[in-house]
C-alpha atoms as a PDB file:
ATOM      1  CA  MET A   1     -55.505-217.690 -49.797  1.00  0.00           C
ATOM      2  CA  LYS A   2     -58.551-219.950 -49.608  1.00  0.00           C
ATOM      3  CA  LYS A   3     -60.166-221.277 -52.770  1.00  0.00           C
ATOM      4  CA  LEU A   4     -63.884-221.241 -53.495  1.00  0.00           C
ATOM      5  CA  LEU A   5     -65.106-223.774 -56.062  1.00  0.00           C
ATOM      6  CA  ILE A   6     -67.829-222.361 -58.295  1.00  0.00           C
ATOM      7  CA  ALA A   7     -69.924-225.362 -59.328  1.00  0.00           C
ATOM      8  CA  THR A   8     -71.039-224.365 -62.812  1.00  0.00           C
ATOM      9  CA  THR A   9     -69.879-225.105 -66.329  1.00  0.00           C
ATOM     10  CA  ASN A  10     -71.801-222.136 -67.722  1.00  0.00           C
ATOM     11  CA  PRO A  11     -69.272-219.402 -68.614  1.00  0.00           C
ATOM     12  CA  GLY A  12     -71.891-216.647 -68.316  1.00  0.00           C
ATOM     13  CA  LYS A  13     -72.879-217.723 -64.814  1.00  0.00           C
ATOM     14  CA  LEU A  14     -69.223-217.998 -63.847  1.00  0.00           C
ATOM     15  CA  ASP A  15     -68.500-214.441 -65.024  1.00  0.00           C
ATOM     16  CA  GLU A  16     -71.533-213.139 -63.132  1.00  0.00           C
ATOM     17  CA  ILE A  17     -70.494-214.894 -59.921  1.00  0.00           C
ATOM     18  CA  LYS A  18     -66.941-213.571 -60.288  1.00  0.00           C
ATOM     19  CA  ARG A  19     -68.304-210.022 -60.585  1.00  0.00           C
ATOM     20  CA  PHE A  20     -70.357-210.432 -57.399  1.00  0.00           C
ATOM     21  CA  LEU A  21     -67.661-212.169 -55.347  1.00  0.00           C
ATOM     22  CA  GLY A  22     -64.535-210.682 -56.908  1.00  0.00           C
ATOM     23  CA  ASP A  23     -63.760-208.441 -53.929  1.00  0.00           C
ATOM     24  CA  LEU A  24     -63.666-211.303 -51.427  1.00  0.00           C
ATOM     25  CA  PRO A  25     -60.258-212.500 -50.197  1.00  0.00           C
ATOM     26  CA  VAL A  26     -60.655-215.901 -51.893  1.00  0.00           C
ATOM     27  CA  GLU A  27     -59.530-217.420 -55.170  1.00  0.00           C
ATOM     28  CA  LEU A  28     -62.548-218.316 -57.298  1.00  0.00           C
ATOM     29  CA  VAL A  29     -62.016-221.640 -59.071  1.00  0.00           C
ATOM     30  CA  ALA A  30     -64.177-223.112 -61.852  1.00  0.00           C
ATOM     31  CA  LEU A  31     -64.956-226.810 -62.260  1.00  0.00           C
ATOM     32  CA  LYS A  32     -62.785-226.992 -65.385  1.00  0.00           C
ATOM     33  CA  ASP A  33     -59.857-225.553 -63.386  1.00  0.00           C
ATOM     34  CA  VAL A  34     -59.881-228.662 -61.190  1.00  0.00           C
ATOM     35  CA  GLY A  35     -60.408-231.110 -64.051  1.00  0.00           C
ATOM     36  CA  ILE A  36     -64.159-231.631 -63.734  1.00  0.00           C
ATOM     37  CA  ILE A  37     -65.603-231.480 -67.230  1.00  0.00           C
ATOM     38  CA  ASP A  38     -68.777-233.571 -66.928  1.00  0.00           C
ATOM     39  CA  VAL A  39     -71.913-232.007 -68.351  1.00  0.00           C
ATOM     40  CA  VAL A  40     -75.015-232.375 -66.215  1.00  0.00           C
ATOM     41  CA  GLU A  41     -78.296-232.658 -68.096  1.00  0.00           C
ATOM     42  CA  GLU A  42     -80.748-230.008 -66.911  1.00  0.00           C
ATOM     43  CA  THR A  43     -84.146-231.691 -66.910  1.00  0.00           C
ATOM     44  CA  GLY A  44     -86.218-229.314 -65.050  1.00  0.00           C
END
């Protein structure tokens, strides 16, 4: 099965994306699942 990296650290956004894409034949992977834990400053 292919993996799709979801590039967000926001748990709410991740849950929403999983609901929309959950029926696709891919494994949805979060940044933290692959060891990326950097926080990006949102400036605008």
